[in-house]
N, C-alpha and C. Protein backbone atom coordinates (compact mmCIF):
# COMPACT_ATOMS: atom_id res chain seq x y z
N MET A 1 -30.98 47.63 68.15
CA MET A 1 -32.49 46.55 67.19
C MET A 1 -33.50 46.95 67.97
N ARG A 2 -34.50 47.23 67.17
CA ARG A 2 -35.77 47.73 67.61
C ARG A 2 -36.87 46.52 67.70
N ALA A 3 -37.55 47.31 68.83
CA ALA A 3 -38.55 46.34 69.54
C ALA A 3 -40.03 46.72 68.85
N VAL A 4 -40.39 45.00 68.55
CA VAL A 4 -41.72 45.18 67.87
C VAL A 4 -42.66 44.52 68.59
N SER A 5 -44.46 45.04 68.63
CA SER A 5 -45.02 44.74 69.36
C SER A 5 -46.31 44.40 68.51
N ASP A 6 -47.40 43.46 68.68
CA ASP A 6 -48.33 42.94 68.33
C ASP A 6 -49.01 43.94 67.71
N ALA A 7 -49.20 44.98 68.36
CA ALA A 7 -49.92 46.36 67.24
C ALA A 7 -48.95 46.68 66.17
N ASP A 8 -47.40 46.83 66.33
CA ASP A 8 -46.84 47.47 64.68
C ASP A 8 -46.49 45.83 64.25
N PHE A 9 -46.47 44.77 64.30
CA PHE A 9 -45.42 43.80 63.81
C PHE A 9 -46.16 43.76 62.21
N ASP A 10 -47.00 43.76 61.70
CA ASP A 10 -47.58 43.88 60.66
C ASP A 10 -46.71 44.68 59.69
N GLU A 11 -47.20 46.37 59.88
CA GLU A 11 -46.22 47.29 59.03
C GLU A 11 -44.70 47.35 59.30
N VAL A 12 -44.01 46.75 60.42
CA VAL A 12 -42.72 46.87 60.71
C VAL A 12 -42.17 45.46 60.16
N VAL A 13 -42.67 44.47 60.10
CA VAL A 13 -42.52 42.86 59.75
C VAL A 13 -42.72 42.72 58.13
N LEU A 14 -43.91 42.33 58.64
CA LEU A 14 -44.55 41.87 57.30
C LEU A 14 -44.50 42.78 56.14
N LYS A 15 -44.76 44.21 55.80
CA LYS A 15 -44.73 45.00 54.83
C LYS A 15 -43.05 45.73 54.59
N SER A 16 -42.33 45.21 55.35
CA SER A 16 -41.04 45.47 54.94
C SER A 16 -40.39 45.13 54.00
N SER A 17 -39.45 46.20 53.36
CA SER A 17 -39.21 45.96 51.62
C SER A 17 -37.77 44.86 51.74
N LYS A 18 -37.22 44.83 52.64
CA LYS A 18 -35.88 43.99 53.27
C LYS A 18 -36.65 42.59 53.98
N PRO A 19 -35.88 41.86 53.88
CA PRO A 19 -35.52 40.49 55.00
C PRO A 19 -35.72 41.03 56.40
N VAL A 20 -36.54 40.43 57.25
CA VAL A 20 -36.59 41.16 58.91
C VAL A 20 -36.55 40.02 59.45
N LEU A 21 -35.18 39.69 60.48
CA LEU A 21 -35.31 38.20 61.35
C LEU A 21 -35.93 38.92 62.73
N VAL A 22 -36.84 38.00 63.13
CA VAL A 22 -37.44 38.49 64.43
C VAL A 22 -36.81 37.88 65.55
N ASP A 23 -36.41 37.90 66.47
CA ASP A 23 -36.17 37.27 67.83
C ASP A 23 -37.06 37.27 68.77
N TYR A 24 -37.83 36.12 68.71
CA TYR A 24 -38.91 35.93 69.87
C TYR A 24 -38.09 35.53 71.31
N TRP A 25 -38.41 36.43 72.32
CA TRP A 25 -37.41 36.14 73.46
C TRP A 25 -37.95 36.53 74.74
N ALA A 26 -37.27 36.14 75.89
CA ALA A 26 -38.05 36.96 77.07
C ALA A 26 -37.20 37.37 78.05
N GLU A 27 -37.65 38.04 78.96
CA GLU A 27 -36.51 38.60 80.18
C GLU A 27 -35.79 37.34 80.53
N TRP A 28 -36.88 36.47 80.98
CA TRP A 28 -36.13 35.30 82.02
C TRP A 28 -35.56 34.21 81.51
N CYS A 29 -35.22 34.38 79.80
CA CYS A 29 -35.01 32.93 78.96
C CYS A 29 -32.71 33.19 79.04
N ALA A 30 -32.60 32.48 79.79
CA ALA A 30 -30.91 32.65 79.39
C ALA A 30 -30.46 32.30 78.11
N PRO A 31 -30.32 31.63 77.48
CA PRO A 31 -30.53 31.19 76.10
C PRO A 31 -30.49 32.75 75.32
N CYS A 32 -31.94 33.24 75.49
CA CYS A 32 -32.39 34.43 74.88
C CYS A 32 -31.00 35.86 75.23
N ARG A 33 -30.71 35.96 76.19
CA ARG A 33 -29.80 37.01 77.02
C ARG A 33 -28.20 36.78 76.40
N LEU A 34 -27.91 35.14 76.38
CA LEU A 34 -26.84 34.71 75.51
C LEU A 34 -26.79 35.09 74.22
N ILE A 35 -27.90 35.05 73.27
CA ILE A 35 -27.79 35.67 71.69
C ILE A 35 -27.95 36.46 71.14
N ALA A 36 -28.37 37.44 72.76
CA ALA A 36 -28.43 39.31 72.34
C ALA A 36 -28.09 39.67 71.64
N PRO A 37 -26.42 39.99 72.25
CA PRO A 37 -25.02 40.49 71.73
C PRO A 37 -24.68 40.27 70.74
N VAL A 38 -24.83 38.46 70.02
CA VAL A 38 -24.55 38.40 68.91
C VAL A 38 -25.57 38.44 67.67
N LEU A 39 -26.60 38.91 67.84
CA LEU A 39 -28.10 40.00 67.04
C LEU A 39 -27.57 41.09 67.10
N GLU A 40 -27.51 41.84 67.58
CA GLU A 40 -26.35 43.14 68.15
C GLU A 40 -25.45 43.35 67.12
N GLU A 41 -24.18 42.82 66.95
CA GLU A 41 -23.28 42.12 66.15
C GLU A 41 -23.94 42.60 64.99
N ILE A 42 -24.55 41.06 64.56
CA ILE A 42 -24.93 41.16 63.24
C ILE A 42 -25.84 42.03 62.61
N SER A 43 -26.64 42.76 63.30
CA SER A 43 -27.27 43.83 62.97
C SER A 43 -26.62 44.65 62.68
N ALA A 44 -25.68 45.12 63.25
CA ALA A 44 -24.65 46.08 63.16
C ALA A 44 -23.30 46.07 61.99
N GLU A 45 -23.63 44.92 61.27
CA GLU A 45 -22.56 44.54 60.61
C GLU A 45 -23.17 44.62 58.93
N HIS A 46 -24.77 44.06 59.19
CA HIS A 46 -25.21 43.81 58.23
C HIS A 46 -26.68 43.97 58.12
N GLY A 47 -27.13 45.57 59.14
CA GLY A 47 -28.44 46.08 59.07
C GLY A 47 -28.92 46.59 57.60
N ASP A 48 -28.26 47.11 56.53
CA ASP A 48 -28.61 47.16 55.81
C ASP A 48 -28.90 46.56 54.49
N LYS A 49 -28.76 45.33 55.13
CA LYS A 49 -29.56 44.04 53.99
C LYS A 49 -30.55 43.42 54.72
N LEU A 50 -30.47 43.03 56.37
CA LEU A 50 -30.80 42.71 56.71
C LEU A 50 -31.60 43.31 57.99
N GLU A 51 -32.59 43.60 58.60
CA GLU A 51 -33.11 44.34 59.60
C GLU A 51 -33.50 43.35 60.69
N ILE A 52 -32.98 43.19 61.70
CA ILE A 52 -33.39 42.45 62.80
C ILE A 52 -34.18 43.10 64.06
N VAL A 53 -35.46 42.38 64.56
CA VAL A 53 -36.19 43.18 65.50
C VAL A 53 -36.66 42.02 66.75
N LYS A 54 -37.09 42.81 68.17
CA LYS A 54 -36.77 41.78 68.80
C LYS A 54 -38.72 41.57 69.47
N MET A 55 -38.84 40.80 69.53
CA MET A 55 -40.52 40.77 70.30
C MET A 55 -40.43 39.90 71.85
N ASN A 56 -40.91 40.81 72.74
CA ASN A 56 -41.18 40.13 73.86
C ASN A 56 -42.07 39.25 74.10
N VAL A 57 -41.88 37.97 73.76
CA VAL A 57 -43.17 37.48 74.12
C VAL A 57 -44.12 36.99 74.82
N ASP A 58 -43.80 37.50 76.48
CA ASP A 58 -44.45 37.61 77.50
C ASP A 58 -45.37 39.33 77.34
N GLU A 59 -44.69 40.17 76.83
CA GLU A 59 -45.65 41.29 76.60
C GLU A 59 -46.61 41.31 75.34
N ASN A 60 -46.50 40.51 74.44
CA ASN A 60 -46.77 40.48 73.01
C ASN A 60 -47.39 39.13 72.90
N PRO A 61 -48.77 38.14 73.62
CA PRO A 61 -48.37 37.09 73.53
C PRO A 61 -49.05 36.55 72.01
N VAL A 62 -49.78 37.52 71.35
CA VAL A 62 -50.58 37.24 70.28
C VAL A 62 -49.95 36.87 69.36
N THR A 63 -48.95 37.61 68.67
CA THR A 63 -47.78 37.44 67.53
C THR A 63 -47.66 35.87 67.45
N PRO A 64 -46.86 35.75 68.70
CA PRO A 64 -45.94 34.29 68.49
C PRO A 64 -46.60 33.59 68.81
N ALA A 65 -48.06 33.31 69.11
CA ALA A 65 -49.14 32.34 69.55
C ALA A 65 -49.46 32.23 67.52
N LYS A 66 -49.86 32.94 66.92
CA LYS A 66 -50.24 33.19 65.65
C LYS A 66 -48.75 32.37 64.72
N ALA A 67 -47.73 32.55 65.38
CA ALA A 67 -46.17 32.08 64.34
C ALA A 67 -46.09 30.51 65.35
N GLY A 68 -46.76 30.14 65.99
CA GLY A 68 -46.65 28.78 66.41
C GLY A 68 -45.39 28.50 67.33
N ILE A 69 -44.94 29.34 67.75
CA ILE A 69 -43.70 29.65 68.67
C ILE A 69 -43.99 28.99 70.01
N SER A 70 -43.42 27.56 70.47
CA SER A 70 -43.54 27.41 71.67
C SER A 70 -42.46 26.93 72.55
N GLY A 71 -40.97 27.71 72.29
CA GLY A 71 -39.90 27.62 72.61
C GLY A 71 -38.91 28.95 71.97
N ILE A 72 -38.50 29.06 73.10
CA ILE A 72 -36.95 30.36 73.00
C ILE A 72 -35.96 30.26 73.58
N PRO A 73 -35.31 31.26 72.39
CA PRO A 73 -35.17 31.82 71.74
C PRO A 73 -35.37 31.13 70.07
N ALA A 74 -36.82 31.74 69.28
CA ALA A 74 -37.02 31.58 68.26
C ALA A 74 -36.63 32.67 67.16
N LEU A 75 -35.93 32.32 66.47
CA LEU A 75 -35.45 33.48 64.76
C LEU A 75 -36.38 33.30 63.69
N HIS A 76 -37.12 33.99 63.50
CA HIS A 76 -37.87 33.65 62.18
C HIS A 76 -37.21 34.96 61.16
N VAL A 77 -36.87 34.39 59.80
CA VAL A 77 -36.50 35.42 58.71
C VAL A 77 -37.98 35.70 58.08
N PHE A 78 -38.13 36.98 58.14
CA PHE A 78 -39.56 36.78 56.87
C PHE A 78 -39.31 37.64 55.92
N SER A 79 -39.49 37.49 54.85
CA SER A 79 -39.49 38.15 53.38
C SER A 79 -40.94 38.49 52.47
N GLY A 80 -41.13 39.07 52.03
CA GLY A 80 -42.47 39.56 51.92
C GLY A 80 -43.64 39.06 51.94
N GLY A 81 -43.54 39.09 53.83
CA GLY A 81 -44.18 38.58 54.55
C GLY A 81 -44.50 37.37 55.12
N GLU A 82 -43.59 36.80 54.48
CA GLU A 82 -43.69 35.28 54.73
C GLU A 82 -42.39 34.85 55.33
N VAL A 83 -42.62 33.65 56.64
CA VAL A 83 -41.74 33.57 57.20
C VAL A 83 -40.65 32.25 55.92
N VAL A 84 -39.63 32.91 56.02
CA VAL A 84 -38.63 32.04 54.89
C VAL A 84 -37.46 31.35 55.31
N LYS A 85 -37.68 31.27 57.00
CA LYS A 85 -36.25 30.67 57.69
C LYS A 85 -36.77 30.65 58.96
N GLN A 86 -36.53 29.55 59.97
CA GLN A 86 -36.46 29.50 61.25
C GLN A 86 -35.64 29.07 61.55
N ILE A 87 -34.99 29.70 62.58
CA ILE A 87 -33.65 29.35 63.83
C ILE A 87 -34.26 28.87 65.41
N LEU A 88 -34.08 27.89 65.70
CA LEU A 88 -34.46 27.27 66.96
C LEU A 88 -33.15 27.39 68.00
N GLY A 89 -33.45 27.64 68.96
CA GLY A 89 -31.95 28.04 69.94
C GLY A 89 -30.98 28.90 69.98
N ALA A 90 -30.14 29.38 70.92
CA ALA A 90 -29.14 29.96 70.51
C ALA A 90 -27.84 29.64 69.96
N LYS A 91 -27.57 29.89 69.31
CA LYS A 91 -26.23 29.55 68.33
C LYS A 91 -24.76 30.43 68.56
N PRO A 92 -24.11 29.85 68.39
CA PRO A 92 -22.87 31.15 68.14
C PRO A 92 -23.03 32.07 67.09
N LYS A 93 -22.09 33.05 66.72
CA LYS A 93 -22.22 34.17 66.05
C LYS A 93 -21.78 33.07 64.13
N ALA A 94 -20.57 32.28 64.41
CA ALA A 94 -20.38 31.80 62.99
C ALA A 94 -21.91 30.91 62.82
N ALA A 95 -22.42 30.13 63.15
CA ALA A 95 -23.36 29.38 62.95
C ALA A 95 -24.68 30.16 62.46
N LEU A 96 -24.77 31.28 62.99
CA LEU A 96 -26.04 32.06 63.19
C LEU A 96 -25.68 32.66 61.54
N LEU A 97 -24.04 33.24 61.14
CA LEU A 97 -24.01 33.99 60.19
C LEU A 97 -23.97 32.81 58.82
N GLN A 98 -24.27 31.24 58.91
CA GLN A 98 -24.39 30.28 58.32
C GLN A 98 -25.47 30.19 57.75
N ASP A 99 -26.08 30.27 58.93
CA ASP A 99 -27.87 29.84 58.85
C ASP A 99 -28.30 31.25 57.82
N LEU A 100 -27.85 32.42 58.17
CA LEU A 100 -28.29 33.81 57.36
C LEU A 100 -27.72 33.99 56.25
N LYS A 101 -26.85 33.24 55.83
CA LYS A 101 -25.99 34.08 54.32
C LYS A 101 -26.73 34.22 53.26
N GLU A 102 -28.00 33.88 52.79
CA GLU A 102 -28.82 33.93 51.68
C GLU A 102 -29.31 35.38 52.39
N PHE A 103 -29.23 35.40 53.08
CA PHE A 103 -29.90 36.91 53.56
C PHE A 103 -28.97 38.35 53.64
N ILE A 104 -27.82 37.61 53.81
CA ILE A 104 -26.78 38.50 53.72
C ILE A 104 -25.66 38.82 53.00
C-alpha cells in the first residue's frame, strides 16, 4: 500500500480514476496497527478495483483536519473526488469487506 501526504493527496486520491480508500493512521495507534495487515490483504485481493493508501496523521496534519478526522483509525473511500463512505475504528476483515462491497 502506498503512503500519501498532504502534498500529493489531491493528485493520488481526488483525481484517481478508481475509488480510493484512505487509511488515516498514526504509529502510536494500536487499533491502526491491528487493521493494517487486513487492509494489506484487501489491497492485494481487490487492488484492481479499489486503491488503498495510508496517511500518517502526525506527519500530515492538513488533510486529516480538512476531512474532519477526530479519531483513528478512520477510513474514507473517495470516488470522483468526494468522500462516498466513512468507516471508523478497527474491524475484522469480513466486516470491512461487507462495508466495501459496493467498491470491490
